[in-house]
PDB file of N, CA and C in Angstrom:
ATOM      1  N   MET A   1     -14.939 -28.827  24.444  1.00  0.00           N
ATOM      2  CA  MET A   1     -15.595 -27.832  25.264  1.00  0.00           C
ATOM      3  C   MET A   1     -16.923 -28.367  25.756  1.00  0.00           C
ATOM      4  N   THR A   2     -17.212 -27.984  26.962  1.00  0.00           N
ATOM      5  CA  THR A   2     -18.484 -28.416  27.528  1.00  0.00           C
ATOM      6  C   THR A   2     -19.599 -27.524  26.993  1.00  0.00           C
ATOM      7  N   PRO A   3     -20.819 -28.028  27.029  1.00  0.00           N
ATOM      8  CA  PRO A   3     -21.947 -27.236  26.531  1.00  0.00           C
ATOM      9  C   PRO A   3     -22.121 -25.913  27.284  1.00  0.00           C
ATOM     10  N   VAL A   4     -21.807 -25.875  28.578  1.00  0.00           N
ATOM     11  CA  VAL A   4     -21.961 -24.640  29.357  1.00  0.00           C
ATOM     12  C   VAL A   4     -20.956 -23.586  28.886  1.00  0.00           C
ATOM     13  N   VAL A   5     -19.705 -23.982  28.691  1.00  0.00           N
ATOM     14  CA  VAL A   5     -18.670 -23.058  28.222  1.00  0.00           C
ATOM     15  C   VAL A   5     -19.018 -22.571  26.818  1.00  0.00           C
ATOM     16  N   ASN A   6     -19.505 -23.471  25.985  1.00  0.00           N
ATOM     17  CA  ASN A   6     -19.896 -23.122  24.624  1.00  0.00           C
ATOM     18  C   ASN A   6     -21.016 -22.077  24.629  1.00  0.00           C
ATOM     19  N   SER A   7     -21.989 -22.212  25.496  1.00  0.00           N
ATOM     20  CA  SER A   7     -23.085 -21.242  25.556  1.00  0.00           C
ATOM     21  C   SER A   7     -22.601 -19.901  26.099  1.00  0.00           C
ATOM     22  N   TYR A   8     -21.667 -19.913  27.064  1.00  0.00           N
ATOM     23  CA  TYR A   8     -21.103 -18.652  27.567  1.00  0.00           C
ATOM     24  C   TYR A   8     -20.323 -17.921  26.472  1.00  0.00           C
ATOM     25  N   LEU A   9     -19.600 -18.669  25.650  1.00  0.00           N
ATOM     26  CA  LEU A   9     -18.862 -18.064  24.549  1.00  0.00           C
ATOM     27  C   LEU A   9     -19.810 -17.426  23.533  1.00  0.00           C
ATOM     28  N   LYS A  10     -20.909 -18.102  23.248  1.00  0.00           N
ATOM     29  CA  LYS A  10     -21.897 -17.552  22.315  1.00  0.00           C
ATOM     30  C   LYS A  10     -22.508 -16.273  22.875  1.00  0.00           C
ATOM     31  N   ILE A  11     -22.807 -16.263  24.164  1.00  0.00           N
ATOM     32  CA  ILE A  11     -23.374 -15.066  24.793  1.00  0.00           C
ATOM     33  C   ILE A  11     -22.361 -13.923  24.768  1.00  0.00           C
ATOM     34  N   ALA A  12     -21.109 -14.211  25.109  1.00  0.00           N
ATOM     35  CA  ALA A  12     -20.067 -13.181  25.102  1.00  0.00           C
ATOM     36  C   ALA A  12     -19.862 -12.616  23.699  1.00  0.00           C
ATOM     37  N   LEU A  13     -19.834 -13.488  22.700  1.00  0.00           N
ATOM     38  CA  LEU A  13     -19.688 -13.039  21.321  1.00  0.00           C
ATOM     39  C   LEU A  13     -20.877 -12.188  20.905  1.00  0.00           C
ATOM     40  N   GLY A  14     -22.064 -12.572  21.297  1.00  0.00           N
ATOM     41  CA  GLY A  14     -23.264 -11.787  20.990  1.00  0.00           C
ATOM     42  C   GLY A  14     -23.215 -10.405  21.617  1.00  0.00           C
ATOM     43  N   ILE A  15     -22.714 -10.309  22.842  1.00  0.00           N
ATOM     44  CA  ILE A  15     -22.597  -9.012  23.517  1.00  0.00           C
ATOM     45  C   ILE A  15     -21.577  -8.124  22.800  1.00  0.00           C
ATOM     46  N   VAL A  16     -20.455  -8.705  22.383  1.00  0.00           N
ATOM     47  CA  VAL A  16     -19.436  -7.936  21.673  1.00  0.00           C
ATOM     48  C   VAL A  16     -19.982  -7.420  20.344  1.00  0.00           C
ATOM     49  N   VAL A  17     -20.682  -8.272  19.607  1.00  0.00           N
ATOM     50  CA  VAL A  17     -21.256  -7.866  18.320  1.00  0.00           C
ATOM     51  C   VAL A  17     -22.304  -6.777  18.531  1.00  0.00           C
ATOM     52  N   LEU A  18     -23.155  -6.919  19.530  1.00  0.00           N
ATOM     53  CA  LEU A  18     -24.179  -5.916  19.821  1.00  0.00           C
ATOM     54  C   LEU A  18     -23.537  -4.588  20.220  1.00  0.00           C
ATOM     55  N   ALA A  19     -22.480  -4.626  21.021  1.00  0.00           N
ATOM     56  CA  ALA A  19     -21.784  -3.399  21.417  1.00  0.00           C
ATOM     57  C   ALA A  19     -21.168  -2.711  20.203  1.00  0.00           C
ATOM     58  N   ALA A  20     -20.609  -3.490  19.282  1.00  0.00           N
ATOM     59  CA  ALA A  20     -20.014  -2.914  18.074  1.00  0.00           C
ATOM     60  C   ALA A  20     -21.089  -2.255  17.209  1.00  0.00           C
ATOM     61  N   ILE A  21     -22.231  -2.896  17.064  1.00  0.00           N
ATOM     62  CA  ILE A  21     -23.329  -2.332  16.269  1.00  0.00           C
ATOM     63  C   ILE A  21     -23.845  -1.053  16.903  1.00  0.00           C
ATOM     64  N   LEU A  22     -24.038  -1.044  18.215  1.00  0.00           N
ATOM     65  CA  LEU A  22     -24.525   0.152  18.901  1.00  0.00           C
ATOM     66  C   LEU A  22     -23.524   1.295  18.810  1.00  0.00           C
ATOM     67  N   SER A  23     -22.236   0.991  18.895  1.00  0.00           N
ATOM     68  CA  SER A  23     -21.206   2.025  18.754  1.00  0.00           C
ATOM     69  C   SER A  23     -21.236   2.644  17.368  1.00  0.00           C
ATOM     70  N   TYR A  24     -21.378   1.815  16.353  1.00  0.00           N
ATOM     71  CA  TYR A  24     -21.445   2.296  14.976  1.00  0.00           C
ATOM     72  C   TYR A  24     -22.670   3.193  14.778  1.00  0.00           C
ATOM     73  N   VAL A  25     -23.808   2.774  15.288  1.00  0.00           N
ATOM     74  CA  VAL A  25     -25.033   3.573  15.169  1.00  0.00           C
ATOM     75  C   VAL A  25     -24.861   4.905  15.883  1.00  0.00           C
ATOM     76  N   TRP A  26     -24.236   4.913  17.051  1.00  0.00           N
ATOM     77  CA  TRP A  26     -24.035   6.155  17.803  1.00  0.00           C
ATOM     78  C   TRP A  26     -23.143   7.130  17.020  1.00  0.00           C
ATOM     79  N   VAL A  27     -22.052   6.638  16.457  1.00  0.00           N
ATOM     80  CA  VAL A  27     -21.139   7.496  15.715  1.00  0.00           C
ATOM     81  C   VAL A  27     -21.837   8.066  14.483  1.00  0.00           C
ATOM     82  N   LYS A  28     -22.556   7.244  13.760  1.00  0.00           N
ATOM     83  CA  LYS A  28     -23.231   7.701  12.541  1.00  0.00           C
ATOM     84  C   LYS A  28     -24.400   8.628  12.836  1.00  0.00           C
ATOM     85  N   SER A  29     -25.023   8.505  13.981  1.00  0.00           N
ATOM     86  CA  SER A  29     -26.168   9.352  14.304  1.00  0.00           C
ATOM     87  C   SER A  29     -25.755  10.646  14.996  1.00  0.00           C
ATOM     88  N   SER A  30     -24.461  10.823  15.296  1.00  0.00           N
ATOM     89  CA  SER A  30     -24.027  12.042  15.988  1.00  0.00           C
ATOM     90  C   SER A  30     -24.275  13.282  15.142  1.00  0.00           C
ATOM     91  N   ASP A  31     -24.178  13.178  13.804  1.00  0.00           N
ATOM     92  CA  ASP A  31     -24.501  14.314  12.942  1.00  0.00           C
ATOM     93  C   ASP A  31     -25.940  14.757  13.161  1.00  0.00           C
ATOM     94  N   PHE A  32     -26.839  13.797  13.240  1.00  0.00           N
ATOM     95  CA  PHE A  32     -28.251  14.119  13.425  1.00  0.00           C
ATOM     96  C   PHE A  32     -28.525  14.639  14.829  1.00  0.00           C
ATOM     97  N   ILE A  33     -27.893  14.030  15.815  1.00  0.00           N
ATOM     98  CA  ILE A  33     -28.146  14.415  17.206  1.00  0.00           C
ATOM     99  C   ILE A  33     -27.627  15.821  17.488  1.00  0.00           C
ATOM    100  N   GLU A  34     -26.385  16.119  17.080  1.00  0.00           N
ATOM    101  CA  GLU A  34     -25.793  17.421  17.390  1.00  0.00           C
ATOM    102  C   GLU A  34     -26.282  18.517  16.459  1.00  0.00           C
ATOM    103  N   GLY A  35     -26.470  18.209  15.194  1.00  0.00           N
ATOM    104  CA  GLY A  35     -26.888  19.226  14.242  1.00  0.00           C
ATOM    105  C   GLY A  35     -25.708  20.068  13.792  1.00  0.00           C
ATOM    106  N   PRO A  36     -25.968  21.055  12.902  1.00  0.00           N
ATOM    107  CA  PRO A  36     -24.888  21.890  12.397  1.00  0.00           C
ATOM    108  C   PRO A  36     -24.355  22.819  13.482  1.00  0.00           C
ATOM    109  N   VAL A  37     -23.039  23.094  13.407  1.00  0.00           N
ATOM    110  CA  VAL A  37     -22.373  23.929  14.413  1.00  0.00           C
ATOM    111  C   VAL A  37     -21.480  24.937  13.700  1.00  0.00           C
ATOM    112  N   ILE A  38     -21.508  26.207  14.165  1.00  0.00           N
ATOM    113  CA  ILE A  38     -20.597  27.249  13.679  1.00  0.00           C
ATOM    114  C   ILE A  38     -19.834  27.790  14.881  1.00  0.00           C
ATOM    115  N   ILE A  39     -18.529  27.936  14.714  1.00  0.00           N
ATOM    116  CA  ILE A  39     -17.697  28.593  15.721  1.00  0.00           C
ATOM    117  C   ILE A  39     -16.909  29.679  14.993  1.00  0.00           C
ATOM    118  N   ILE A  40     -17.130  30.946  15.361  1.00  0.00           N
ATOM    119  CA  ILE A  40     -16.427  32.069  14.759  1.00  0.00           C
ATOM    120  C   ILE A  40     -15.164  32.341  15.583  1.00  0.00           C
ATOM    121  N   HIS A  41     -14.012  32.309  14.940  1.00  0.00           N
ATOM    122  CA  HIS A  41     -12.755  32.603  15.626  1.00  0.00           C
ATOM    123  C   HIS A  41     -12.459  34.104  15.596  1.00  0.00           C
ATOM    124  N   THR A  42     -12.506  34.701  14.408  1.00  0.00           N
ATOM    125  CA  THR A  42     -12.294  36.140  14.264  1.00  0.00           C
ATOM    126  C   THR A  42     -13.199  36.666  13.174  1.00  0.00           C
ATOM    127  N   PRO A  43     -13.619  37.891  13.213  1.00  0.00           N
ATOM    128  CA  PRO A  43     -13.439  38.904  14.246  1.00  0.00           C
ATOM    129  C   PRO A  43     -14.566  38.828  15.270  1.00  0.00           C
ATOM    130  N   LEU A  44     -14.393  39.502  16.367  1.00  0.00           N
ATOM    131  CA  LEU A  44     -15.459  39.657  17.350  1.00  0.00           C
ATOM    132  C   LEU A  44     -16.265  40.895  16.987  1.00  0.00           C
ATOM    133  N   SER A  45     -17.521  40.924  17.374  1.00  0.00           N
ATOM    134  CA  SER A  45     -18.343  42.104  17.137  1.00  0.00           C
ATOM    135  C   SER A  45     -17.744  43.296  17.862  1.00  0.00           C
ATOM    136  N   GLY A  46     -17.862  44.469  17.263  1.00  0.00           N
ATOM    137  CA  GLY A  46     -17.350  45.689  17.881  1.00  0.00           C
ATOM    138  C   GLY A  46     -16.879  46.678  16.843  1.00  0.00           C
ATOM    139  N   GLU A  47     -15.958  47.558  17.252  1.00  0.00           N
ATOM    140  CA  GLU A  47     -15.418  48.585  16.375  1.00  0.00           C
ATOM    141  C   GLU A  47     -14.108  48.120  15.763  1.00  0.00           C
ATOM    142  N   THR A  48     -13.845  48.617  14.553  1.00  0.00           N
ATOM    143  CA  THR A  48     -12.581  48.327  13.884  1.00  0.00           C
ATOM    144  C   THR A  48     -12.178  49.524  13.055  1.00  0.00           C
ATOM    145  N   SER A  49     -10.898  49.633  12.777  1.00  0.00           N
ATOM    146  CA  SER A  49     -10.409  50.684  11.881  1.00  0.00           C
ATOM    147  C   SER A  49      -9.897  50.078  10.576  1.00  0.00           C
ATOM    148  N   ASP A  50      -9.925  48.765  10.467  1.00  0.00           N
ATOM    149  CA  ASP A  50      -9.478  48.073   9.256  1.00  0.00           C
ATOM    150  C   ASP A  50     -10.665  47.818   8.343  1.00  0.00           C
ATOM    151  N   SER A  51     -10.572  48.313   7.100  1.00  0.00           N
ATOM    152  CA  SER A  51     -11.683  48.107   6.176  1.00  0.00           C
ATOM    153  C   SER A  51     -11.688  46.698   5.582  1.00  0.00           C
ATOM    154  N   LEU A  52     -10.521  46.054   5.526  1.00  0.00           N
ATOM    155  CA  LEU A  52     -10.430  44.685   5.017  1.00  0.00           C
ATOM    156  C   LEU A  52     -10.217  43.756   6.211  1.00  0.00           C
ATOM    157  N   ILE A  53     -11.194  42.880   6.443  1.00  0.00           N
ATOM    158  CA  ILE A  53     -11.109  41.979   7.595  1.00  0.00           C
ATOM    159  C   ILE A  53     -11.029  40.532   7.116  1.00  0.00           C
ATOM    160  N   LEU A  54     -10.509  39.687   7.989  1.00  0.00           N
ATOM    161  CA  LEU A  54     -10.434  38.256   7.730  1.00  0.00           C
ATOM    162  C   LEU A  54     -11.390  37.560   8.685  1.00  0.00           C
ATOM    163  N   ILE A  55     -12.341  36.840   8.136  1.00  0.00           N
ATOM    164  CA  ILE A  55     -13.303  36.089   8.937  1.00  0.00           C
ATOM    165  C   ILE A  55     -12.843  34.638   8.960  1.00  0.00           C
ATOM    166  N   THR A  56     -12.593  34.110  10.155  1.00  0.00           N
ATOM    167  CA  THR A  56     -12.155  32.726  10.289  1.00  0.00           C
ATOM    168  C   THR A  56     -13.042  32.009  11.290  1.00  0.00           C
ATOM    169  N   GLY A  57     -13.146  30.703  11.104  1.00  0.00           N
ATOM    170  CA  GLY A  57     -13.939  29.908  12.026  1.00  0.00           C
ATOM    171  C   GLY A  57     -13.970  28.465  11.585  1.00  0.00           C
ATOM    172  N   GLU A  58     -14.882  27.735  12.204  1.00  0.00           N
ATOM    173  CA  GLU A  58     -15.047  26.328  11.830  1.00  0.00           C
ATOM    174  C   GLU A  58     -16.527  25.972  11.835  1.00  0.00           C
ATOM    175  N   ALA A  59     -16.843  24.992  11.031  1.00  0.00           N
ATOM    176  CA  ALA A  59     -18.214  24.513  10.914  1.00  0.00           C
ATOM    177  C   ALA A  59     -18.182  22.989  10.895  1.00  0.00           C
ATOM    178  N   ARG A  60     -19.102  22.393  11.646  1.00  0.00           N
ATOM    179  CA  ARG A  60     -19.171  20.924  11.723  1.00  0.00           C
ATOM    180  C   ARG A  60     -20.581  20.454  11.388  1.00  0.00           C
ATOM    181  N   HIS A  61     -20.659  19.237  10.863  1.00  0.00           N
ATOM    182  CA  HIS A  61     -21.925  18.580  10.532  1.00  0.00           C
ATOM    183  C   HIS A  61     -22.743  19.411   9.539  1.00  0.00           C
ATOM    184  N   ILE A  62     -22.097  19.895   8.495  1.00  0.00           N
ATOM    185  CA  ILE A  62     -22.775  20.753   7.522  1.00  0.00           C
ATOM    186  C   ILE A  62     -22.649  20.171   6.120  1.00  0.00           C
ATOM    187  N   ASN A  63     -23.540  20.631   5.245  1.00  0.00           N
ATOM    188  CA  ASN A  63     -23.353  20.338   3.827  1.00  0.00           C
ATOM    189  C   ASN A  63     -23.392  21.615   2.994  1.00  0.00           C
ATOM    190  N   ASN A  64     -23.640  22.785   3.640  1.00  0.00           N
ATOM    191  CA  ASN A  64     -23.508  24.063   2.942  1.00  0.00           C
ATOM    192  C   ASN A  64     -23.231  25.166   3.944  1.00  0.00           C
ATOM    193  N   ILE A  65     -22.537  26.203   3.463  1.00  0.00           N
ATOM    194  CA  ILE A  65     -22.195  27.355   4.304  1.00  0.00           C
ATOM    195  C   ILE A  65     -22.204  28.600   3.432  1.00  0.00           C
ATOM    196  N   THR A  66     -22.783  29.687   3.960  1.00  0.00           N
ATOM    197  CA  THR A  66     -22.807  30.947   3.236  1.00  0.00           C
ATOM    198  C   THR A  66     -22.334  32.077   4.133  1.00  0.00           C
ATOM    199  N   LEU A  67     -21.718  33.065   3.496  1.00  0.00           N
ATOM    200  CA  LEU A  67     -21.305  34.299   4.152  1.00  0.00           C
ATOM    201  C   LEU A  67     -22.047  35.424   3.443  1.00  0.00           C
ATOM    202  N   ASN A  68     -22.958  36.075   4.150  1.00  0.00           N
ATOM    203  CA  ASN A  68     -23.815  37.113   3.560  1.00  0.00           C
ATOM    204  C   ASN A  68     -24.484  36.598   2.277  1.00  0.00           C
ATOM    205  N   ASP A  69     -25.051  35.410   2.359  1.00  0.00           N
ATOM    206  CA  ASP A  69     -25.784  34.753   1.265  1.00  0.00           C
ATOM    207  C   ASP A  69     -24.902  34.367   0.068  1.00  0.00           C
ATOM    208  N   ARG A  70     -23.583  34.352   0.248  1.00  0.00           N
ATOM    209  CA  ARG A  70     -22.645  33.926  -0.790  1.00  0.00           C
ATOM    210  C   ARG A  70     -21.987  32.641  -0.328  1.00  0.00           C
ATOM    211  N   LYS A  71     -22.034  31.627  -1.180  1.00  0.00           N
ATOM    212  CA  LYS A  71     -21.481  30.322  -0.811  1.00  0.00           C
ATOM    213  C   LYS A  71     -19.975  30.424  -0.592  1.00  0.00           C
ATOM    214  N   ILE A  72     -19.513  29.845   0.523  1.00  0.00           N
ATOM    215  CA  ILE A  72     -18.083  29.747   0.792  1.00  0.00           C
ATOM    216  C   ILE A  72     -17.758  28.275   1.038  1.00  0.00           C
ATOM    217  N   PHE A  73     -16.500  27.987   1.259  1.00  0.00           N
ATOM    218  CA  PHE A  73     -16.085  26.594   1.383  1.00  0.00           C
ATOM    219  C   PHE A  73     -15.270  26.375   2.649  1.00  0.00           C
ATOM    220  N   VAL A  74     -15.326  25.158   3.154  1.00  0.00           N
ATOM    221  CA  VAL A  74     -14.532  24.760   4.314  1.00  0.00           C
ATOM    222  C   VAL A  74     -13.505  23.736   3.850  1.00  0.00           C
ATOM    223  N   ASP A  75     -12.403  23.634   4.611  1.00  0.00           N
ATOM    224  CA  ASP A  75     -11.409  22.616   4.269  1.00  0.00           C
ATOM    225  C   ASP A  75     -11.794  21.280   4.902  1.00  0.00           C
ATOM    226  N   GLU A  76     -10.904  20.311   4.823  1.00  0.00           N
ATOM    227  CA  GLU A  76     -11.215  18.958   5.304  1.00  0.00           C
ATOM    228  C   GLU A  76     -11.472  18.897   6.801  1.00  0.00           C
ATOM    229  N   GLU A  77     -10.911  19.853   7.554  1.00  0.00           N
ATOM    230  CA  GLU A  77     -11.135  19.885   9.005  1.00  0.00           C
ATOM    231  C   GLU A  77     -12.342  20.739   9.381  1.00  0.00           C
ATOM    232  N   GLY A  78     -13.023  21.323   8.391  1.00  0.00           N
ATOM    233  CA  GLY A  78     -14.184  22.161   8.655  1.00  0.00           C
ATOM    234  C   GLY A  78     -13.843  23.616   8.913  1.00  0.00           C
ATOM    235  N   LEU A  79     -12.594  24.022   8.637  1.00  0.00           N
ATOM    236  CA  LEU A  79     -12.177  25.407   8.863  1.00  0.00           C
ATOM    237  C   LEU A  79     -12.480  26.262   7.634  1.00  0.00           C
ATOM    238  N   PHE A  80     -12.839  27.531   7.879  1.00  0.00           N
ATOM    239  CA  PHE A  80     -13.050  28.462   6.775  1.00  0.00           C
ATOM    240  C   PHE A  80     -12.315  29.760   7.062  1.00  0.00           C
ATOM    241  N   SER A  81     -11.992  30.486   5.981  1.00  0.00           N
ATOM    242  CA  SER A  81     -11.279  31.754   6.068  1.00  0.00           C
ATOM    243  C   SER A  81     -11.662  32.575   4.846  1.00  0.00           C
ATOM    244  N   GLU A  82     -12.264  33.728   5.087  1.00  0.00           N
ATOM    245  CA  GLU A  82     -12.723  34.590   3.994  1.00  0.00           C
ATOM    246  C   GLU A  82     -12.415  36.038   4.317  1.00  0.00           C
ATOM    247  N   GLN A  83     -11.988  36.800   3.299  1.00  0.00           N
ATOM    248  CA  GLN A  83     -11.781  38.228   3.474  1.00  0.00           C
ATOM    249  C   GLN A  83     -13.047  38.967   3.061  1.00  0.00           C
ATOM    250  N   LEU A  84     -13.284  40.094   3.738  1.00  0.00           N
ATOM    251  CA  LEU A  84     -14.470  40.884   3.454  1.00  0.00           C
ATOM    252  C   LEU A  84     -14.118  42.356   3.588  1.00  0.00           C
ATOM    253  N   LEU A  85     -14.568  43.168   2.639  1.00  0.00           N
ATOM    254  CA  LEU A  85     -14.339  44.597   2.659  1.00  0.00           C
ATOM    255  C   LEU A  85     -15.544  45.265   3.312  1.00  0.00           C
ATOM    256  N   LEU A  86     -15.290  46.036   4.359  1.00  0.00           N
ATOM    257  CA  LEU A  86     -16.362  46.686   5.108  1.00  0.00           C
ATOM    258  C   LEU A  86     -16.653  48.068   4.550  1.00  0.00           C
ATOM    259  N   SER A  87     -17.887  48.516   4.740  1.00  0.00           N
ATOM    260  CA  SER A  87     -18.275  49.890   4.442  1.00  0.00           C
ATOM    261  C   SER A  87     -18.071  50.723   5.697  1.00  0.00           C
ATOM    262  N   VAL A  88     -17.858  52.013   5.518  1.00  0.00           N
ATOM    263  CA  VAL A  88     -17.739  52.891   6.681  1.00  0.00           C
ATOM    264  C   VAL A  88     -19.071  52.890   7.419  1.00  0.00           C
ATOM    265  N   GLY A  89     -19.004  52.727   8.722  1.00  0.00           N
ATOM    266  CA  GLY A  89     -20.209  52.698   9.538  1.00  0.00           C
ATOM    267  C   GLY A  89     -20.537  51.286   9.994  1.00  0.00           C
ATOM    268  N   TYR A  90     -21.824  51.031  10.119  1.00  0.00           N
ATOM    269  CA  TYR A  90     -22.335  49.780  10.687  1.00  0.00           C
ATOM    270  C   TYR A  90     -22.397  48.680   9.631  1.00  0.00           C
ATOM    271  N   ASN A  91     -21.825  47.511   9.934  1.00  0.00           N
ATOM    272  CA  ASN A  91     -21.816  46.365   9.026  1.00  0.00           C
ATOM    273  C   ASN A  91     -22.342  45.135   9.761  1.00  0.00           C
ATOM    274  N   ILE A  92     -23.204  44.402   9.097  1.00  0.00           N
ATOM    275  CA  ILE A  92     -23.710  43.138   9.644  1.00  0.00           C
ATOM    276  C   ILE A  92     -23.197  42.018   8.748  1.00  0.00           C
ATOM    277  N   ILE A  93     -22.538  41.038   9.369  1.00  0.00           N
ATOM    278  CA  ILE A  93     -21.993  39.883   8.646  1.00  0.00           C
ATOM    279  C   ILE A  93     -22.728  38.657   9.152  1.00  0.00           C
ATOM    280  N   THR A  94     -23.318  37.901   8.234  1.00  0.00           N
ATOM    281  CA  THR A  94     -24.095  36.724   8.605  1.00  0.00           C
ATOM    282  C   THR A  94     -23.476  35.482   7.988  1.00  0.00           C
ATOM    283  N   ILE A  95     -23.206  34.495   8.839  1.00  0.00           N
ATOM    284  CA  ILE A  95     -22.722  33.196   8.385  1.00  0.00           C
ATOM    285  C   ILE A  95     -23.804  32.185   8.719  1.00  0.00           C
ATOM    286  N   GLU A  96     -24.235  31.451   7.707  1.00  0.00           N
ATOM    287  CA  GLU A  96     -25.308  30.473   7.893  1.00  0.00           C
ATOM    288  C   GLU A  96     -24.857  29.117   7.374  1.00  0.00           C
ATOM    289  N   VAL A  97     -25.145  28.075   8.158  1.00  0.00           N
ATOM    290  CA  VAL A  97     -24.821  26.715   7.747  1.00  0.00           C
ATOM    291  C   VAL A  97     -26.085  25.872   7.781  1.00  0.00           C
ATOM    292  N   GLY A  98     -26.094  24.836   6.951  1.00  0.00           N
ATOM    293  CA  GLY A  98     -27.202  23.892   6.935  1.00  0.00           C
ATOM    294  C   GLY A  98     -26.676  22.480   6.850  1.00  0.00           C
ATOM    295  N   ASP A  99     -27.456  21.537   7.362  1.00  0.00           N
ATOM    296  CA  ASP A  99     -27.052  20.135   7.272  1.00  0.00           C
ATOM    297  C   ASP A  99     -27.972  19.395   6.315  1.00  0.00           C
ATOM    298  N   ARG A 100     -27.715  18.140   6.151  1.00  0.00           N
ATOM    299  CA  ARG A 100     -28.492  17.341   5.193  1.00  0.00           C
ATOM    300  C   ARG A 100     -29.904  17.052   5.677  1.00  0.00           C
ATOM    301  N   PHE A 101     -30.201  17.399   6.926  1.00  0.00           N
ATOM    302  CA  PHE A 101     -31.544  17.204   7.479  1.00  0.00           C
ATOM    303  C   PHE A 101     -32.357  18.496   7.448  1.00  0.00           C
ATOM    304  N   LYS A 102     -31.897  19.488   6.685  1.00  0.00           N
ATOM    305  CA  LYS A 102     -32.563  20.775   6.471  1.00  0.00           C
ATOM    306  C   LYS A 102     -32.590  21.655   7.715  1.00  0.00           C
ATOM    307  N   ARG A 103     -31.687  21.405   8.676  1.00  0.00           N
ATOM    308  CA  ARG A 103     -31.584  22.278   9.844  1.00  0.00           C
ATOM    309  C   ARG A 103     -30.526  23.339   9.560  1.00  0.00           C
ATOM    310  N   THR A 104     -30.782  24.568  10.020  1.00  0.00           N
ATOM    311  CA  THR A 104     -29.840  25.654   9.780  1.00  0.00           C
ATOM    312  C   THR A 104     -29.482  26.343  11.094  1.00  0.00           C
ATOM    313  N   VAL A 105     -28.288  26.913  11.099  1.00  0.00           N
ATOM    314  CA  VAL A 105     -27.801  27.714  12.224  1.00  0.00           C
ATOM    315  C   VAL A 105     -27.195  28.973  11.626  1.00  0.00           C
ATOM    316  N   ARG A 106     -27.458  30.111  12.263  1.00  0.00           N
ATOM    317  CA  ARG A 106     -26.966  31.389  11.775  1.00  0.00           C
ATOM    318  C   ARG A 106     -26.229  32.115  12.895  1.00  0.00           C
ATOM    319  N   GLU A 107     -25.065  32.664  12.549  1.00  0.00           N
ATOM    320  CA  GLU A 107     -24.292  33.505  13.468  1.00  0.00           C
ATOM    321  C   GLU A 107     -24.128  34.865  12.811  1.00  0.00           C
ATOM    322  N   THR A 108     -24.222  35.912  13.623  1.00  0.00           N
ATOM    323  CA  THR A 108     -24.118  37.269  13.120  1.00  0.00           C
ATOM    324  C   THR A 108     -22.980  37.999  13.834  1.00  0.00           C
ATOM    325  N   ILE A 109     -22.188  38.710  13.057  1.00  0.00           N
ATOM    326  CA  ILE A 109     -21.121  39.566  13.583  1.00  0.00           C
ATOM    327  C   ILE A 109     -21.502  40.991  13.228  1.00  0.00           C
ATOM    328  N   GLU A 110     -21.447  41.891  14.193  1.00  0.00           N
ATOM    329  CA  GLU A 110     -21.761  43.300  13.965  1.00  0.00           C
ATOM    330  C   GLU A 110     -20.487  44.113  14.164  1.00  0.00           C
ATOM    331  N   LEU A 111     -20.070  44.789  13.099  1.00  0.00           N
ATOM    332  CA  LEU A 111     -18.844  45.581  13.150  1.00  0.00           C
ATOM    333  C   LEU A 111     -19.139  47.027  12.748  1.00  0.00           C
ATOM    334  N   VAL A 112     -18.473  47.950  13.418  1.00  0.00           N
ATOM    335  CA  VAL A 112     -18.561  49.354  13.057  1.00  0.00           C
ATOM    336  C   VAL A 112     -17.182  49.774  12.570  1.00  0.00           C
ATOM    337  N   LEU A 113     -17.106  50.165  11.295  1.00  0.00           N
ATOM    338  CA  LEU A 113     -15.858  50.644  10.723  1.00  0.00           C
ATOM    339  C   LEU A 113     -15.787  52.139  10.963  1.00  0.00           C
ATOM    340  N   MET A 114     -14.799  52.548  11.748  1.00  0.00           N
ATOM    341  CA  MET A 114     -14.612  53.951  12.083  1.00  0.00           C
ATOM    342  C   MET A 114     -13.947  54.655  10.891  1.00  0.00           C
ATOM    343  N   GLU A 115     -14.386  55.893  10.605  1.00  0.00           N
ATOM    344  CA  GLU A 115     -13.767  56.661   9.542  1.00  0.00           C
ATOM    345  C   GLU A 115     -12.345  57.010   9.914  1.00  0.00           C
ATOM    346  N   ASN A 116     -11.461  56.931   8.943  1.00  0.00           N
ATOM    347  CA  ASN A 116     -10.059  57.237   9.179  1.00  0.00           C
ATOM    348  C   ASN A 116      -9.811  58.660   8.700  1.00  0.00           C
ATOM    349  N   ASN A 117      -9.792  59.622   9.619  1.00  0.00           N
ATOM    350  CA  ASN A 117      -9.602  61.046   9.278  1.00  0.00           C
ATOM    351  C   ASN A 117      -8.133  61.412   9.419  1.00  0.00           C
ATOM    352  N   GLU A 118      -7.373  61.190   8.368  1.00  0.00           N
ATOM    353  CA  GLU A 118      -5.938  61.516   8.406  1.00  0.00           C
ATOM    354  C   GLU A 118      -5.660  62.780   7.668  1.00  0.00           C
TER     355      GLU A 118
END
């Protein structure tokens, strides 16, 4: 190989290695950049006639999650599912997540359980 081709190969290899390092840093820093995320699937805020509800959703980039200040758990995909018994009238449900950088996000669901007069 000529010295010119050899130097081009070294430069190309250096660019590939640098791109791989930058890609790795980007993937690992995405937790810090995006922060904790909560997505509530069910229920939506509003009125209900069911006293026992199922709260489902997903959480990403977290290391803890609570439902009304009670620790709950997510599966490997970040999905959670919890049942909750409502009181008649106005109910506030709070889901809070935190990440390892001490950032927190809170979502609130407001439900009104209508009395069942049968």
